[in-house]
Amino acid sequence: MPGKLTLVLRNYFITGLLVSLPLAVTVWVLWLVFRTVESSLGSLVAWLIGLFTGEPVRIPGVSLVLTVAVLMLVGMVATNVVGRRLVAAGERLLLMFPFVRPLYMGVKQVIEAFSVKRSSFREVVLLEHPRPGIWAIGFVTNEARGELAAHFDQPVKTVFLPTAPNPTSGFLVIVPERQLIRLDMTPEEGFKLILSGGVIMPERSGAPPENPGGSGKRALAGTGDPEA
């Protein structure tokens, strides 16, 4: 009896920990960002206010609002032609420094990996890689045209196969469309699955989506085993 009670209490504790940990980490990160912004810009904002009032006044939260406003202004500028040219010129200037280049490019690649757009990765698919019988998750990026499509007598897709847990690297493969199995998940869910090493699974209900090679179960069962 005491052993069973201990097991139940342990399960309650683990469940409570798993439920509370994401919320606690989110609150901690937001608080850390707020403290960092306040400590970095709070004195500057207080000094600027003191120019008008005659005495520095520290108002909590003003520096955070100012930071958000500046980021929105930068985003507004970067969306037009002149702004994009200025950003590109600034990047070229940063990349001239040997110690800044790897840091900047690494941070940029990580941010781009987390900000996946549907227009870049159109759908999540399964395909056999690196050999028959082993399946990998990929992202359809485009429909092959021109020189790529000229060597095939069927529709062909370009598929990006990211590596886990670092999706900024991977492989570009050219695959006939009938060899792909579409998955009922968004690109964001697919990247979460890869980043977590398969721990975070997207939840879906209902029938599987239609695939070029038939249903998911038939394609998986029939591919790689012609005699089955």
Protein backbone atom coordinates (compact mmCIF):
# COMPACT_ATOMS: atom_id res chain seq x y z
CA MET A 1 0.00 0.00 0.00
CA PRO A 2 2.71 2.55 0.86
CA GLY A 3 4.50 1.64 -2.37
CA LYS A 4 1.36 2.22 -4.43
CA LEU A 5 0.74 5.57 -2.73
CA THR A 6 4.32 6.61 -3.44
CA LEU A 7 3.90 5.69 -7.11
CA VAL A 8 0.67 7.70 -7.39
CA LEU A 9 2.24 10.74 -5.70
CA ARG A 10 5.28 10.50 -7.98
CA ASN A 11 3.07 10.39 -11.07
CA TYR A 12 1.14 13.43 -9.81
CA PHE A 13 4.41 15.28 -9.25
CA ILE A 14 5.81 14.44 -12.69
CA THR A 15 2.54 15.39 -14.39
CA GLY A 16 2.38 18.69 -12.52
CA LEU A 17 6.00 19.39 -13.41
CA LEU A 18 5.46 18.72 -17.11
CA VAL A 19 2.34 20.92 -17.18
CA SER A 20 3.87 23.79 -15.20
CA LEU A 21 7.36 23.83 -16.74
CA PRO A 22 6.44 25.41 -20.13
CA LEU A 23 4.47 28.16 -18.37
CA ALA A 24 7.25 28.77 -15.85
CA VAL A 25 9.90 28.96 -18.58
CA THR A 26 7.75 31.33 -20.65
CA VAL A 27 7.19 33.66 -17.68
CA TRP A 28 10.90 33.51 -16.79
CA VAL A 29 11.99 34.38 -20.35
CA LEU A 30 9.55 37.30 -20.55
CA TRP A 31 10.70 38.58 -17.16
CA LEU A 32 14.34 38.23 -18.22
CA VAL A 33 13.67 40.23 -21.39
CA PHE A 34 11.85 42.90 -19.39
CA ARG A 35 14.69 43.16 -16.83
CA THR A 36 17.34 43.29 -19.57
CA VAL A 37 15.55 46.05 -21.46
CA GLU A 38 14.88 48.01 -18.29
CA SER A 39 18.50 47.82 -17.13
CA SER A 40 19.84 48.71 -20.58
CA LEU A 41 17.52 51.55 -21.56
CA GLY A 42 15.95 52.58 -18.26
CA SER A 43 18.73 55.02 -17.37
CA LEU A 44 18.74 56.51 -20.87
CA VAL A 45 14.97 57.04 -20.83
CA ALA A 46 15.17 58.56 -17.34
CA TRP A 47 17.89 60.94 -18.52
CA LEU A 48 15.83 61.97 -21.57
CA ILE A 49 12.80 62.63 -19.35
CA GLY A 50 15.05 64.68 -17.06
CA LEU A 51 15.88 67.02 -19.94
CA PHE A 52 12.25 68.17 -19.90
CA THR A 53 11.39 67.85 -16.21
CA GLY A 54 14.70 69.01 -14.77
CA GLU A 55 15.15 65.77 -12.82
CA PRO A 56 15.60 62.19 -14.09
CA VAL A 57 12.41 60.16 -13.63
CA ARG A 58 12.44 56.39 -13.97
CA ILE A 59 9.10 55.03 -15.18
CA PRO A 60 8.85 51.21 -15.24
CA GLY A 61 7.83 49.84 -18.60
CA VAL A 62 8.59 52.92 -20.69
CA SER A 63 11.86 51.50 -22.00
CA LEU A 64 10.09 48.29 -23.03
CA VAL A 65 7.43 50.24 -24.93
CA LEU A 66 10.18 52.29 -26.56
CA THR A 67 12.01 49.11 -27.61
CA VAL A 68 8.85 47.69 -29.20
CA ALA A 69 8.28 50.99 -31.03
CA VAL A 70 11.87 51.03 -32.33
CA LEU A 71 11.59 47.40 -33.54
CA MET A 72 8.35 48.23 -35.36
CA LEU A 73 10.03 51.25 -36.95
CA VAL A 74 12.98 49.11 -38.08
CA GLY A 75 10.58 46.52 -39.52
CA MET A 76 8.66 49.25 -41.33
CA VAL A 77 11.85 50.62 -42.86
CA ALA A 78 13.15 47.14 -43.79
CA THR A 79 10.02 46.32 -45.81
CA ASN A 80 10.62 48.97 -48.48
CA VAL A 81 13.26 48.99 -51.20
CA VAL A 82 15.50 51.62 -49.63
CA GLY A 83 15.32 49.91 -46.25
CA ARG A 84 16.26 46.51 -47.69
CA ARG A 85 19.29 48.08 -49.36
CA LEU A 86 20.34 49.67 -46.08
CA VAL A 87 19.96 46.35 -44.25
CA ALA A 88 21.97 44.55 -46.93
CA ALA A 89 24.70 47.20 -46.72
CA GLY A 90 24.78 46.85 -42.94
CA GLU A 91 25.08 43.07 -43.22
CA ARG A 92 27.96 43.36 -45.66
CA LEU A 93 29.71 45.71 -43.25
CA LEU A 94 29.26 43.28 -40.34
CA LEU A 95 30.47 40.31 -42.38
CA MET A 96 33.75 42.10 -43.05
CA PHE A 97 34.82 41.42 -39.45
CA PRO A 98 36.11 37.83 -38.99
CA PHE A 99 34.87 37.42 -35.41
CA VAL A 100 31.45 38.93 -36.05
CA ARG A 101 30.65 36.89 -39.18
CA PRO A 102 30.16 33.41 -37.58
CA LEU A 103 28.17 34.83 -34.66
CA TYR A 104 25.88 36.94 -36.84
CA MET A 105 25.30 34.20 -39.43
CA GLY A 106 24.66 31.59 -36.74
CA VAL A 107 22.05 33.73 -34.97
CA LYS A 108 20.44 34.65 -38.28
CA GLN A 109 20.16 31.02 -39.38
CA VAL A 110 18.57 29.97 -36.07
CA ILE A 111 16.04 32.81 -36.26
CA GLU A 112 15.20 31.97 -39.87
CA ALA A 113 14.69 28.33 -38.90
CA PHE A 114 12.14 29.30 -36.25
CA SER A 115 10.35 31.76 -38.51
CA VAL A 116 9.31 29.29 -41.17
CA LYS A 117 6.89 30.71 -43.73
CA ARG A 118 4.24 28.66 -45.50
CA SER A 119 5.33 30.17 -48.80
CA SER A 120 8.84 28.71 -48.37
CA PHE A 121 7.88 25.23 -47.13
CA ARG A 122 4.60 24.34 -48.77
CA GLU A 123 3.86 20.97 -47.19
CA VAL A 124 5.34 18.29 -44.97
CA VAL A 125 5.98 14.91 -46.58
CA LEU A 126 7.45 11.49 -45.92
CA LEU A 127 9.95 9.97 -48.32
CA GLU A 128 12.33 7.03 -48.24
CA HIS A 129 15.79 8.27 -47.28
CA PRO A 130 18.65 7.38 -47.14
CA ARG A 131 17.62 3.87 -48.29
CA PRO A 132 14.39 1.94 -48.93
CA GLY A 133 12.59 1.02 -45.73
CA ILE A 134 13.78 4.09 -43.78
CA TRP A 135 11.55 7.16 -43.89
CA ALA A 136 12.50 10.80 -43.41
CA ILE A 137 10.47 13.97 -42.93
CA GLY A 138 10.91 16.60 -45.62
CA PHE A 139 9.43 19.90 -46.75
CA VAL A 140 8.29 20.49 -50.31
CA THR A 141 9.86 23.77 -51.41
CA ASN A 142 8.93 23.93 -55.08
CA GLU A 143 7.84 22.10 -58.21
CA ALA A 144 10.80 21.18 -60.38
CA ARG A 145 10.84 22.99 -63.73
CA GLY A 146 13.19 23.53 -66.63
CA GLU A 147 16.39 21.50 -66.59
CA LEU A 148 15.41 19.57 -63.46
CA ALA A 149 12.05 18.47 -64.83
CA ALA A 150 13.37 17.70 -68.32
CA HIS A 151 14.97 14.43 -67.16
CA PHE A 152 11.72 12.99 -65.75
CA ASP A 153 8.52 11.82 -67.41
CA GLN A 154 6.40 12.62 -64.34
CA PRO A 155 5.86 15.55 -61.96
CA VAL A 156 8.87 16.15 -59.72
CA LYS A 157 9.23 18.11 -56.49
CA THR A 158 12.20 19.71 -54.76
CA VAL A 159 12.25 18.61 -51.12
CA PHE A 160 14.37 19.93 -48.26
CA LEU A 161 15.43 17.31 -45.69
CA PRO A 162 16.53 19.11 -42.49
CA THR A 163 18.80 17.49 -39.94
CA ALA A 164 17.82 17.05 -36.28
CA PRO A 165 18.05 18.85 -33.97
CA ASN A 166 19.62 21.60 -36.13
CA PRO A 167 17.23 22.25 -39.04
CA THR A 168 19.43 25.01 -40.50
CA SER A 169 21.42 22.27 -42.29
CA GLY A 170 20.11 19.46 -44.43
CA PHE A 171 19.82 18.05 -47.93
CA LEU A 172 18.04 19.13 -51.09
CA VAL A 173 16.63 16.16 -52.98
CA ILE A 174 14.67 15.90 -56.22
CA VAL A 175 11.84 13.38 -55.82
CA PRO A 176 9.02 12.22 -58.12
CA GLU A 177 5.72 13.37 -56.68
CA ARG A 178 4.25 9.84 -56.58
CA GLN A 179 7.00 8.78 -54.15
CA LEU A 180 5.98 11.39 -51.57
CA ILE A 181 3.46 10.86 -48.78
CA ARG A 182 1.81 14.06 -47.64
CA LEU A 183 1.43 14.50 -43.89
CA ASP A 184 -1.48 16.27 -42.21
CA MET A 185 0.65 18.82 -40.36
CA THR A 186 1.78 22.40 -40.86
CA PRO A 187 5.42 23.33 -41.58
CA GLU A 188 5.64 24.78 -38.07
CA GLU A 189 4.54 21.46 -36.57
CA GLY A 190 7.01 19.61 -38.77
CA PHE A 191 9.89 21.77 -37.57
CA LYS A 192 8.85 21.32 -33.94
CA LEU A 193 8.88 17.57 -34.50
CA ILE A 194 12.42 17.73 -35.90
CA LEU A 195 13.77 20.18 -33.32
CA SER A 196 12.49 18.01 -30.47
CA GLY A 197 13.93 14.83 -31.97
CA GLY A 198 10.46 13.33 -32.29
CA VAL A 199 9.33 14.19 -28.75
CA ILE A 200 6.74 16.80 -29.76
CA MET A 201 4.15 15.08 -31.92
CA PRO A 202 1.37 17.05 -33.66
CA GLU A 203 -2.10 15.88 -32.70
CA ARG A 204 -4.45 15.15 -35.57
CA SER A 205 -7.76 13.33 -35.85
CA GLY A 206 -9.70 11.94 -38.78
CA ALA A 207 -8.66 10.24 -41.98
CA PRO A 208 -5.13 10.71 -43.38
CA PRO A 209 -4.72 13.09 -46.32
CA GLU A 210 -4.70 11.80 -49.87
CA ASN A 211 -1.26 11.00 -51.28
CA PRO A 212 -0.03 10.75 -54.87
CA GLY A 213 0.88 7.08 -54.39
CA GLY A 214 -2.36 6.12 -52.61
CA SER A 215 -3.23 6.16 -48.94
CA GLY A 216 -0.50 6.46 -46.35
CA LYS A 217 -0.82 2.87 -45.12
CA ARG A 218 -0.80 1.35 -48.59
CA ALA A 219 2.17 3.45 -49.70
CA LEU A 220 4.18 2.56 -46.62
CA ALA A 221 3.36 -1.09 -46.92
CA GLY A 222 3.99 -1.38 -50.63
CA THR A 223 7.10 0.81 -51.02
CA GLY A 224 10.43 -0.91 -50.76
CA ASP A 225 8.87 -4.39 -50.96
CA PRO A 226 7.58 -5.06 -54.48
CA GLU A 227 6.67 -8.66 -53.67
CA ALA A 228 4.41 -7.74 -50.72
